[in-house]
């Protein structure tokens, strides 16, 4: 009878549909602060220098072009500020610490060599073109820090001396043991700003060039690297500062070679520090 018919059983669940796994979480964007940092060893900075020298040898013409630019900029800096010793001392150090921003072309050369491509001077000069906005933001941050550094140095000079000494007078002041309080204050101000600039920029510029990341994320990743692997990064910073100081002695002529080698080496430091 029609009323006694049993209801049809529900359709069976397909095994594939029943066993379908939950969707995986989307991977972090390349610019995410959660980027994994590789563990570094104390021998790595020397290896980065060796790789930087190798890149320079593979593209010597481009390297010498940038090295010549560094040397001429050093001459111009001394010429312009020879009558303003406080600005000269602060901006000279700041100029050296802004190397990652000035070395974008060298980073592009190392990037091309790493990919098995032939580097080109024109391509290196336009390395900033694809990341103009983020590079400009980061450059502005560095500029603000440089201006604050210069102002703080002027305050130290003004408090320590009756008026501003000339260039030779400032050098004598730095070497005079009677001005110990000034030397300590000047060195402390320089150490604070130099450490901050180094910490946020040591791998930031090559990261912005290489990855689709923003300036803030790049700066925070660089800072996290310095805070989590302080020993190796301090060692790397001392190597950079020592080599640049030696290059400055013969009227900035050493920057002709040291500048491009350190630029290439900084690219390899970034590639070693940040996981793909």
C-alpha atoms as a PDB file:
ATOM      1  CA  UNK A   1       0.000   0.000   0.000  1.00  0.00           C
ATOM      2  CA  UNK A   2       1.128   3.563  -0.733  1.00  0.00           C
ATOM      3  CA  UNK A   3       0.874   4.616   2.945  1.00  0.00           C
ATOM      4  CA  UNK A   4       3.028   1.709   4.075  1.00  0.00           C
ATOM      5  CA  UNK A   5       5.978   2.560   1.766  1.00  0.00           C
ATOM      6  CA  UNK A   6       9.202   3.129   3.674  1.00  0.00           C
ATOM      7  CA  UNK A   7      11.043   6.421   2.972  1.00  0.00           C
ATOM      8  CA  UNK A   8      13.981   6.275   0.606  1.00  0.00           C
ATOM      9  CA  UNK A   9      17.369   6.265   2.391  1.00  0.00           C
ATOM     10  CA  UNK A  10      19.405   9.508   2.245  1.00  0.00           C
ATOM     11  CA  UNK A  11      22.018   9.678  -0.496  1.00  0.00           C
ATOM     12  CA  UNK A  12      25.391   8.296   0.493  1.00  0.00           C
ATOM     13  CA  UNK A  13      28.165  10.780   1.171  1.00  0.00           C
ATOM     14  CA  UNK A  14      30.902  10.559  -1.408  1.00  0.00           C
ATOM     15  CA  UNK A  15      34.113   9.314   0.247  1.00  0.00           C
ATOM     16  CA  UNK A  16      36.206  11.954  -1.468  1.00  0.00           C
ATOM     17  CA  UNK A  17      33.966  14.733  -0.199  1.00  0.00           C
ATOM     18  CA  UNK A  18      33.852  13.289   3.317  1.00  0.00           C
ATOM     19  CA  UNK A  19      37.605  12.967   3.477  1.00  0.00           C
ATOM     20  CA  UNK A  20      38.367  16.363   1.967  1.00  0.00           C
ATOM     21  CA  UNK A  21      40.861  18.107   4.233  1.00  0.00           C
ATOM     22  CA  UNK A  22      40.299  21.559   5.606  1.00  0.00           C
ATOM     23  CA  UNK A  23      41.863  24.272   3.449  1.00  0.00           C
ATOM     24  CA  UNK A  24      45.355  25.266   4.477  1.00  0.00           C
ATOM     25  CA  UNK A  25      45.971  28.725   5.847  1.00  0.00           C
ATOM     26  CA  UNK A  26      47.291  31.161   3.289  1.00  0.00           C
ATOM     27  CA  UNK A  27      51.055  31.520   3.422  1.00  0.00           C
ATOM     28  CA  UNK A  28      52.455  34.694   4.806  1.00  0.00           C
ATOM     29  CA  UNK A  29      53.108  37.445   2.316  1.00  0.00           C
ATOM     30  CA  UNK A  30      56.778  37.993   1.433  1.00  0.00           C
ATOM     31  CA  UNK A  31      56.714  41.270   3.336  1.00  0.00           C
ATOM     32  CA  UNK A  32      55.205  39.810   6.489  1.00  0.00           C
ATOM     33  CA  UNK A  33      57.029  40.489   9.787  1.00  0.00           C
ATOM     34  CA  UNK A  34      56.862  36.709  10.336  1.00  0.00           C
ATOM     35  CA  UNK A  35      59.641  36.141   7.808  1.00  0.00           C
ATOM     36  CA  UNK A  36      61.922  33.410   9.076  1.00  0.00           C
ATOM     37  CA  UNK A  37      65.487  34.442   9.850  1.00  0.00           C
ATOM     38  CA  UNK A  38      68.281  31.971   9.284  1.00  0.00           C
ATOM     39  CA  UNK A  39      70.758  31.292  12.102  1.00  0.00           C
ATOM     40  CA  UNK A  40      74.090  32.972  11.415  1.00  0.00           C
ATOM     41  CA  UNK A  41      77.608  32.062  12.480  1.00  0.00           C
ATOM     42  CA  UNK A  42      80.548  34.300  13.283  1.00  0.00           C
ATOM     43  CA  UNK A  43      82.365  33.128  10.169  1.00  0.00           C
ATOM     44  CA  UNK A  44      79.542  34.252   7.872  1.00  0.00           C
ATOM     45  CA  UNK A  45      80.579  37.938   7.606  1.00  0.00           C
ATOM     46  CA  UNK A  46      83.957  36.911   6.213  1.00  0.00           C
ATOM     47  CA  UNK A  47      82.174  34.696   3.710  1.00  0.00           C
ATOM     48  CA  UNK A  48      79.965  37.626   2.669  1.00  0.00           C
ATOM     49  CA  UNK A  49      83.074  39.697   2.038  1.00  0.00           C
ATOM     50  CA  UNK A  50      84.531  36.917  -0.111  1.00  0.00           C
ATOM     51  CA  UNK A  51      81.295  36.722  -2.113  1.00  0.00           C
ATOM     52  CA  UNK A  52      81.280  40.510  -2.466  1.00  0.00           C
ATOM     53  CA  UNK A  53      84.802  40.424  -3.865  1.00  0.00           C
ATOM     54  CA  UNK A  54      83.749  37.676  -6.276  1.00  0.00           C
ATOM     55  CA  UNK A  55      80.850  39.776  -7.570  1.00  0.00           C
ATOM     56  CA  UNK A  56      83.144  42.776  -7.967  1.00  0.00           C
ATOM     57  CA  UNK A  57      85.600  40.729 -10.034  1.00  0.00           C
ATOM     58  CA  UNK A  58      82.748  39.458 -12.217  1.00  0.00           C
ATOM     59  CA  UNK A  59      81.537  43.003 -12.973  1.00  0.00           C
ATOM     60  CA  UNK A  60      84.541  45.277 -12.287  1.00  0.00           C
ATOM     61  CA  UNK A  61      83.508  48.130 -14.564  1.00  0.00           C
ATOM     62  CA  UNK A  62      80.184  48.659 -12.801  1.00  0.00           C
ATOM     63  CA  UNK A  63      81.831  48.319  -9.398  1.00  0.00           C
ATOM     64  CA  UNK A  64      84.487  50.916 -10.213  1.00  0.00           C
ATOM     65  CA  UNK A  65      81.790  53.304 -11.430  1.00  0.00           C
ATOM     66  CA  UNK A  66      79.997  53.154  -8.086  1.00  0.00           C
ATOM     67  CA  UNK A  67      83.279  53.220  -6.183  1.00  0.00           C
ATOM     68  CA  UNK A  68      84.215  56.392  -8.042  1.00  0.00           C
ATOM     69  CA  UNK A  69      80.864  57.933  -7.092  1.00  0.00           C
ATOM     70  CA  UNK A  70      81.503  57.160  -3.421  1.00  0.00           C
ATOM     71  CA  UNK A  71      84.960  58.711  -3.616  1.00  0.00           C
ATOM     72  CA  UNK A  72      83.740  61.910  -5.300  1.00  0.00           C
ATOM     73  CA  UNK A  73      80.884  62.238  -2.813  1.00  0.00           C
ATOM     74  CA  UNK A  74      83.399  62.007   0.015  1.00  0.00           C
ATOM     75  CA  UNK A  75      85.439  64.819  -1.505  1.00  0.00           C
ATOM     76  CA  UNK A  76      82.323  66.943  -1.985  1.00  0.00           C
ATOM     77  CA  UNK A  77      81.243  66.335   1.605  1.00  0.00           C
ATOM     78  CA  UNK A  78      84.542  67.606   2.981  1.00  0.00           C
ATOM     79  CA  UNK A  79      84.563  70.573   0.635  1.00  0.00           C
ATOM     80  CA  UNK A  80      81.059  71.727   1.457  1.00  0.00           C
ATOM     81  CA  UNK A  81      81.336  71.261   5.226  1.00  0.00           C
ATOM     82  CA  UNK A  82      84.958  72.137   5.814  1.00  0.00           C
ATOM     83  CA  UNK A  83      83.804  75.254   7.701  1.00  0.00           C
ATOM     84  CA  UNK A  84      81.122  73.420   9.696  1.00  0.00           C
ATOM     85  CA  UNK A  85      82.943  70.701  11.650  1.00  0.00           C
ATOM     86  CA  UNK A  86      79.939  69.500  13.631  1.00  0.00           C
ATOM     87  CA  UNK A  87      77.942  68.770  10.509  1.00  0.00           C
ATOM     88  CA  UNK A  88      81.002  67.260   8.845  1.00  0.00           C
ATOM     89  CA  UNK A  89      81.612  64.783  11.632  1.00  0.00           C
ATOM     90  CA  UNK A  90      77.981  63.717  11.914  1.00  0.00           C
ATOM     91  CA  UNK A  91      77.125  63.630   8.220  1.00  0.00           C
ATOM     92  CA  UNK A  92      80.361  61.870   7.295  1.00  0.00           C
ATOM     93  CA  UNK A  93      79.464  58.984   9.576  1.00  0.00           C
ATOM     94  CA  UNK A  94      75.876  59.132   8.410  1.00  0.00           C
ATOM     95  CA  UNK A  95      76.974  59.071   4.787  1.00  0.00           C
ATOM     96  CA  UNK A  96      78.802  55.837   5.459  1.00  0.00           C
ATOM     97  CA  UNK A  97      75.836  54.285   7.256  1.00  0.00           C
ATOM     98  CA  UNK A  98      73.520  55.198   4.377  1.00  0.00           C
ATOM     99  CA  UNK A  99      75.547  52.896   2.159  1.00  0.00           C
ATOM    100  CA  UNK A 100      72.666  50.407   1.741  1.00  0.00           C
ATOM    101  CA  UNK A 101      70.567  53.179   0.195  1.00  0.00           C
ATOM    102  CA  UNK A 102      73.393  54.301  -2.089  1.00  0.00           C
ATOM    103  CA  UNK A 103      74.271  50.745  -3.118  1.00  0.00           C
ATOM    104  CA  UNK A 104      70.994  49.809  -4.781  1.00  0.00           C
ATOM    105  CA  UNK A 105      72.771  49.482  -8.110  1.00  0.00           C
ATOM    106  CA  UNK A 106      75.303  47.084  -6.617  1.00  0.00           C
ATOM    107  CA  UNK A 107      72.510  45.027  -5.075  1.00  0.00           C
ATOM    108  CA  UNK A 108      70.926  44.750  -8.513  1.00  0.00           C
ATOM    109  CA  UNK A 109      74.237  43.589 -10.006  1.00  0.00           C
ATOM    110  CA  UNK A 110      74.568  40.845  -7.365  1.00  0.00           C
ATOM    111  CA  UNK A 111      70.935  39.901  -7.912  1.00  0.00           C
ATOM    112  CA  UNK A 112      71.550  39.474 -11.653  1.00  0.00           C
ATOM    113  CA  UNK A 113      74.716  37.466 -11.093  1.00  0.00           C
ATOM    114  CA  UNK A 114      72.920  35.228  -8.600  1.00  0.00           C
ATOM    115  CA  UNK A 115      70.253  34.542 -11.239  1.00  0.00           C
ATOM    116  CA  UNK A 116      72.899  33.656 -13.832  1.00  0.00           C
ATOM    117  CA  UNK A 117      72.235  36.835 -15.840  1.00  0.00           C
ATOM    118  CA  UNK A 118      74.642  39.398 -17.190  1.00  0.00           C
ATOM    119  CA  UNK A 119      74.547  42.656 -15.179  1.00  0.00           C
ATOM    120  CA  UNK A 120      74.178  45.952 -16.960  1.00  0.00           C
ATOM    121  CA  UNK A 121      75.113  49.444 -15.769  1.00  0.00           C
ATOM    122  CA  UNK A 122      71.893  50.982 -17.061  1.00  0.00           C
ATOM    123  CA  UNK A 123      69.817  48.334 -15.307  1.00  0.00           C
ATOM    124  CA  UNK A 124      71.696  48.933 -12.049  1.00  0.00           C
ATOM    125  CA  UNK A 125      71.163  52.691 -12.277  1.00  0.00           C
ATOM    126  CA  UNK A 126      67.410  52.114 -12.571  1.00  0.00           C
ATOM    127  CA  UNK A 127      67.221  49.516  -9.783  1.00  0.00           C
ATOM    128  CA  UNK A 128      65.067  51.876  -7.721  1.00  0.00           C
ATOM    129  CA  UNK A 129      62.477  52.273 -10.485  1.00  0.00           C
ATOM    130  CA  UNK A 130      60.199  49.355  -9.536  1.00  0.00           C
ATOM    131  CA  UNK A 131      60.149  50.156  -5.803  1.00  0.00           C
ATOM    132  CA  UNK A 132      60.245  53.954  -5.860  1.00  0.00           C
ATOM    133  CA  UNK A 133      57.594  54.574  -3.223  1.00  0.00           C
ATOM    134  CA  UNK A 134      58.909  52.260  -0.515  1.00  0.00           C
ATOM    135  CA  UNK A 135      62.521  53.236  -1.142  1.00  0.00           C
ATOM    136  CA  UNK A 136      61.578  56.908  -0.883  1.00  0.00           C
ATOM    137  CA  UNK A 137      59.811  56.283   2.440  1.00  0.00           C
ATOM    138  CA  UNK A 138      62.813  54.473   3.857  1.00  0.00           C
ATOM    139  CA  UNK A 139      65.206  57.114   2.529  1.00  0.00           C
ATOM    140  CA  UNK A 140      63.105  59.797   4.237  1.00  0.00           C
ATOM    141  CA  UNK A 141      63.333  57.934   7.551  1.00  0.00           C
ATOM    142  CA  UNK A 142      67.115  57.788   7.234  1.00  0.00           C
ATOM    143  CA  UNK A 143      67.234  61.475   6.321  1.00  0.00           C
ATOM    144  CA  UNK A 144      65.254  62.417   9.431  1.00  0.00           C
ATOM    145  CA  UNK A 145      67.591  60.373  11.613  1.00  0.00           C
ATOM    146  CA  UNK A 146      70.597  62.044   9.975  1.00  0.00           C
ATOM    147  CA  UNK A 147      69.151  65.496  10.640  1.00  0.00           C
ATOM    148  CA  UNK A 148      68.477  64.609  14.274  1.00  0.00           C
ATOM    149  CA  UNK A 149      72.025  63.287  14.580  1.00  0.00           C
ATOM    150  CA  UNK A 150      73.453  66.487  13.148  1.00  0.00           C
ATOM    151  CA  UNK A 151      71.342  68.634  15.454  1.00  0.00           C
ATOM    152  CA  UNK A 152      72.310  66.610  18.521  1.00  0.00           C
ATOM    153  CA  UNK A 153      75.978  66.951  17.591  1.00  0.00           C
ATOM    154  CA  UNK A 154      75.598  70.725  17.242  1.00  0.00           C
ATOM    155  CA  UNK A 155      74.097  70.853  20.734  1.00  0.00           C
ATOM    156  CA  UNK A 156      77.072  68.917  22.132  1.00  0.00           C
ATOM    157  CA  UNK A 157      79.492  71.353  20.490  1.00  0.00           C
ATOM    158  CA  UNK A 158      77.538  74.394  21.654  1.00  0.00           C
ATOM    159  CA  UNK A 159      77.409  73.203  25.266  1.00  0.00           C
ATOM    160  CA  UNK A 160      81.072  72.155  25.359  1.00  0.00           C
ATOM    161  CA  UNK A 161      82.705  75.188  23.702  1.00  0.00           C
ATOM    162  CA  UNK A 162      82.331  78.947  23.550  1.00  0.00           C
ATOM    163  CA  UNK A 163      81.220  79.129  19.939  1.00  0.00           C
ATOM    164  CA  UNK A 164      81.855  76.681  17.135  1.00  0.00           C
ATOM    165  CA  UNK A 165      85.525  75.800  16.461  1.00  0.00           C
ATOM    166  CA  UNK A 166      86.866  75.597  12.932  1.00  0.00           C
ATOM    167  CA  UNK A 167      87.661  72.263  11.304  1.00  0.00           C
ATOM    168  CA  UNK A 168      91.211  72.027  12.669  1.00  0.00           C
ATOM    169  CA  UNK A 169      90.045  73.202  16.055  1.00  0.00           C
ATOM    170  CA  UNK A 170      87.414  70.476  16.183  1.00  0.00           C
ATOM    171  CA  UNK A 171      90.037  67.836  15.446  1.00  0.00           C
ATOM    172  CA  UNK A 172      92.273  69.168  18.207  1.00  0.00           C
ATOM    173  CA  UNK A 173      89.280  69.134  20.557  1.00  0.00           C
ATOM    174  CA  UNK A 174      88.670  65.475  19.811  1.00  0.00           C
ATOM    175  CA  UNK A 175      92.287  64.635  20.602  1.00  0.00           C
ATOM    176  CA  UNK A 176      92.692  66.834  23.675  1.00  0.00           C
ATOM    177  CA  UNK A 177      92.413  64.809  26.940  1.00  0.00           C
ATOM    178  CA  UNK A 178      91.190  67.954  28.716  1.00  0.00           C
ATOM    179  CA  UNK A 179      87.966  67.735  26.722  1.00  0.00           C
ATOM    180  CA  UNK A 180      87.135  64.275  28.026  1.00  0.00           C
ATOM    181  CA  UNK A 181      83.523  65.179  28.867  1.00  0.00           C
ATOM    182  CA  UNK A 182      82.979  66.495  25.339  1.00  0.00           C
ATOM    183  CA  UNK A 183      84.575  63.390  23.803  1.00  0.00           C
ATOM    184  CA  UNK A 184      82.364  61.093  25.874  1.00  0.00           C
ATOM    185  CA  UNK A 185      79.192  63.046  25.066  1.00  0.00           C
ATOM    186  CA  UNK A 186      80.022  63.272  21.347  1.00  0.00           C
ATOM    187  CA  UNK A 187      80.840  59.558  21.166  1.00  0.00           C
ATOM    188  CA  UNK A 188      77.673  58.603  23.081  1.00  0.00           C
ATOM    189  CA  UNK A 189      75.436  60.637  20.761  1.00  0.00           C
ATOM    190  CA  UNK A 190      77.145  59.176  17.729  1.00  0.00           C
ATOM    191  CA  UNK A 191      76.895  55.628  19.064  1.00  0.00           C
ATOM    192  CA  UNK A 192      73.156  55.932  19.709  1.00  0.00           C
ATOM    193  CA  UNK A 193      72.269  57.249  16.267  1.00  0.00           C
ATOM    194  CA  UNK A 194      74.767  55.056  14.434  1.00  0.00           C
ATOM    195  CA  UNK A 195      73.449  51.929  16.158  1.00  0.00           C
ATOM    196  CA  UNK A 196      69.844  52.837  15.372  1.00  0.00           C
ATOM    197  CA  UNK A 197      70.527  53.564  11.707  1.00  0.00           C
ATOM    198  CA  UNK A 198      72.566  50.408  11.335  1.00  0.00           C
ATOM    199  CA  UNK A 199      69.942  48.250  13.056  1.00  0.00           C
ATOM    200  CA  UNK A 200      67.042  49.332  10.841  1.00  0.00           C
ATOM    201  CA  UNK A 201      68.979  49.471   7.564  1.00  0.00           C
ATOM    202  CA  UNK A 202      71.515  46.635   7.560  1.00  0.00           C
ATOM    203  CA  UNK A 203      69.330  44.412   5.334  1.00  0.00           C
ATOM    204  CA  UNK A 204      66.367  46.700   4.616  1.00  0.00           C
ATOM    205  CA  UNK A 205      67.302  48.133   1.231  1.00  0.00           C
ATOM    206  CA  UNK A 206      68.169  44.848  -0.480  1.00  0.00           C
ATOM    207  CA  UNK A 207      64.994  43.360   1.029  1.00  0.00           C
ATOM    208  CA  UNK A 208      62.826  46.139  -0.430  1.00  0.00           C
ATOM    209  CA  UNK A 209      64.537  45.684  -3.793  1.00  0.00           C
ATOM    210  CA  UNK A 210      64.221  41.897  -3.793  1.00  0.00           C
ATOM    211  CA  UNK A 211      60.790  41.339  -2.221  1.00  0.00           C
ATOM    212  CA  UNK A 212      57.401  43.002  -2.530  1.00  0.00           C
ATOM    213  CA  UNK A 213      57.639  44.355   0.998  1.00  0.00           C
ATOM    214  CA  UNK A 214      57.008  47.746   2.534  1.00  0.00           C
ATOM    215  CA  UNK A 215      59.576  49.978   4.164  1.00  0.00           C
ATOM    216  CA  UNK A 216      58.239  49.479   7.702  1.00  0.00           C
ATOM    217  CA  UNK A 217      58.305  45.682   7.445  1.00  0.00           C
ATOM    218  CA  UNK A 218      61.826  45.786   6.017  1.00  0.00           C
ATOM    219  CA  UNK A 219      63.046  48.040   8.824  1.00  0.00           C
ATOM    220  CA  UNK A 220      61.414  45.895  11.512  1.00  0.00           C
ATOM    221  CA  UNK A 221      62.850  42.704  10.011  1.00  0.00           C
ATOM    222  CA  UNK A 222      66.317  44.265   9.989  1.00  0.00           C
ATOM    223  CA  UNK A 223      65.877  45.377  13.596  1.00  0.00           C
ATOM    224  CA  UNK A 224      64.674  41.899  14.593  1.00  0.00           C
ATOM    225  CA  UNK A 225      67.749  40.369  12.981  1.00  0.00           C
ATOM    226  CA  UNK A 226      70.073  42.644  14.968  1.00  0.00           C
ATOM    227  CA  UNK A 227      68.212  42.044  18.239  1.00  0.00           C
ATOM    228  CA  UNK A 228      68.032  38.256  17.870  1.00  0.00           C
ATOM    229  CA  UNK A 229      71.528  37.651  16.456  1.00  0.00           C
ATOM    230  CA  UNK A 230      73.314  40.570  18.038  1.00  0.00           C
ATOM    231  CA  UNK A 231      76.786  39.067  18.230  1.00  0.00           C
ATOM    232  CA  UNK A 232      77.124  38.260  14.541  1.00  0.00           C
ATOM    233  CA  UNK A 233      75.544  41.522  13.434  1.00  0.00           C
ATOM    234  CA  UNK A 234      77.764  43.589  15.720  1.00  0.00           C
ATOM    235  CA  UNK A 235      80.754  41.752  14.270  1.00  0.00           C
ATOM    236  CA  UNK A 236      79.478  42.512  10.764  1.00  0.00           C
ATOM    237  CA  UNK A 237      78.995  46.170  11.677  1.00  0.00           C
ATOM    238  CA  UNK A 238      82.531  46.418  13.069  1.00  0.00           C
ATOM    239  CA  UNK A 239      83.901  44.901   9.862  1.00  0.00           C
ATOM    240  CA  UNK A 240      81.972  47.416   7.776  1.00  0.00           C
ATOM    241  CA  UNK A 241      83.082  50.364   9.904  1.00  0.00           C
ATOM    242  CA  UNK A 242      86.706  49.216  10.038  1.00  0.00           C
ATOM    243  CA  UNK A 243      87.024  48.657   6.306  1.00  0.00           C
ATOM    244  CA  UNK A 244      85.373  51.967   5.486  1.00  0.00           C
ATOM    245  CA  UNK A 245      87.619  53.806   7.959  1.00  0.00           C
ATOM    246  CA  UNK A 246      90.703  52.329   6.319  1.00  0.00           C
ATOM    247  CA  UNK A 247      89.322  53.281   2.890  1.00  0.00           C
ATOM    248  CA  UNK A 248      88.908  56.906   4.023  1.00  0.00           C
ATOM    249  CA  UNK A 249      92.512  57.436   5.014  1.00  0.00           C
ATOM    250  CA  UNK A 250      94.022  58.040   1.544  1.00  0.00           C
ATOM    251  CA  UNK A 251      91.582  60.881   0.734  1.00  0.00           C
ATOM    252  CA  UNK A 252      88.645  58.518   0.183  1.00  0.00           C
ATOM    253  CA  UNK A 253      90.557  56.724  -2.588  1.00  0.00           C
ATOM    254  CA  UNK A 254      90.072  53.356  -0.888  1.00  0.00           C
ATOM    255  CA  UNK A 255      86.329  53.635  -1.477  1.00  0.00           C
ATOM    256  CA  UNK A 256      87.020  52.957  -5.139  1.00  0.00           C
ATOM    257  CA  UNK A 257      87.379  49.260  -4.226  1.00  0.00           C
ATOM    258  CA  UNK A 258      86.014  48.956  -0.707  1.00  0.00           C
ATOM    259  CA  UNK A 259      82.698  50.645  -1.538  1.00  0.00           C
ATOM    260  CA  UNK A 260      81.511  48.241  -4.253  1.00  0.00           C
ATOM    261  CA  UNK A 261      82.836  45.147  -2.437  1.00  0.00           C
ATOM    262  CA  UNK A 262      80.894  46.070   0.705  1.00  0.00           C
ATOM    263  CA  UNK A 263      77.818  46.806  -1.394  1.00  0.00           C
ATOM    264  CA  UNK A 264      77.907  43.352  -2.954  1.00  0.00           C
ATOM    265  CA  UNK A 265      78.677  41.781   0.422  1.00  0.00           C
ATOM    266  CA  UNK A 266      75.640  43.474   1.968  1.00  0.00           C
ATOM    267  CA  UNK A 267      73.432  41.781  -0.622  1.00  0.00           C
ATOM    268  CA  UNK A 268      74.843  38.401   0.373  1.00  0.00           C
ATOM    269  CA  UNK A 269      74.346  39.253   4.058  1.00  0.00           C
ATOM    270  CA  UNK A 270      70.656  39.826   3.374  1.00  0.00           C
ATOM    271  CA  UNK A 271      70.322  36.632   1.323  1.00  0.00           C
ATOM    272  CA  UNK A 272      71.988  34.631   4.076  1.00  0.00           C
ATOM    273  CA  UNK A 273      69.958  36.161   6.898  1.00  0.00           C
ATOM    274  CA  UNK A 274      66.404  36.021   5.507  1.00  0.00           C
ATOM    275  CA  UNK A 275      64.957  32.661   4.517  1.00  0.00           C
ATOM    276  CA  UNK A 276      63.303  32.230   1.119  1.00  0.00           C
END
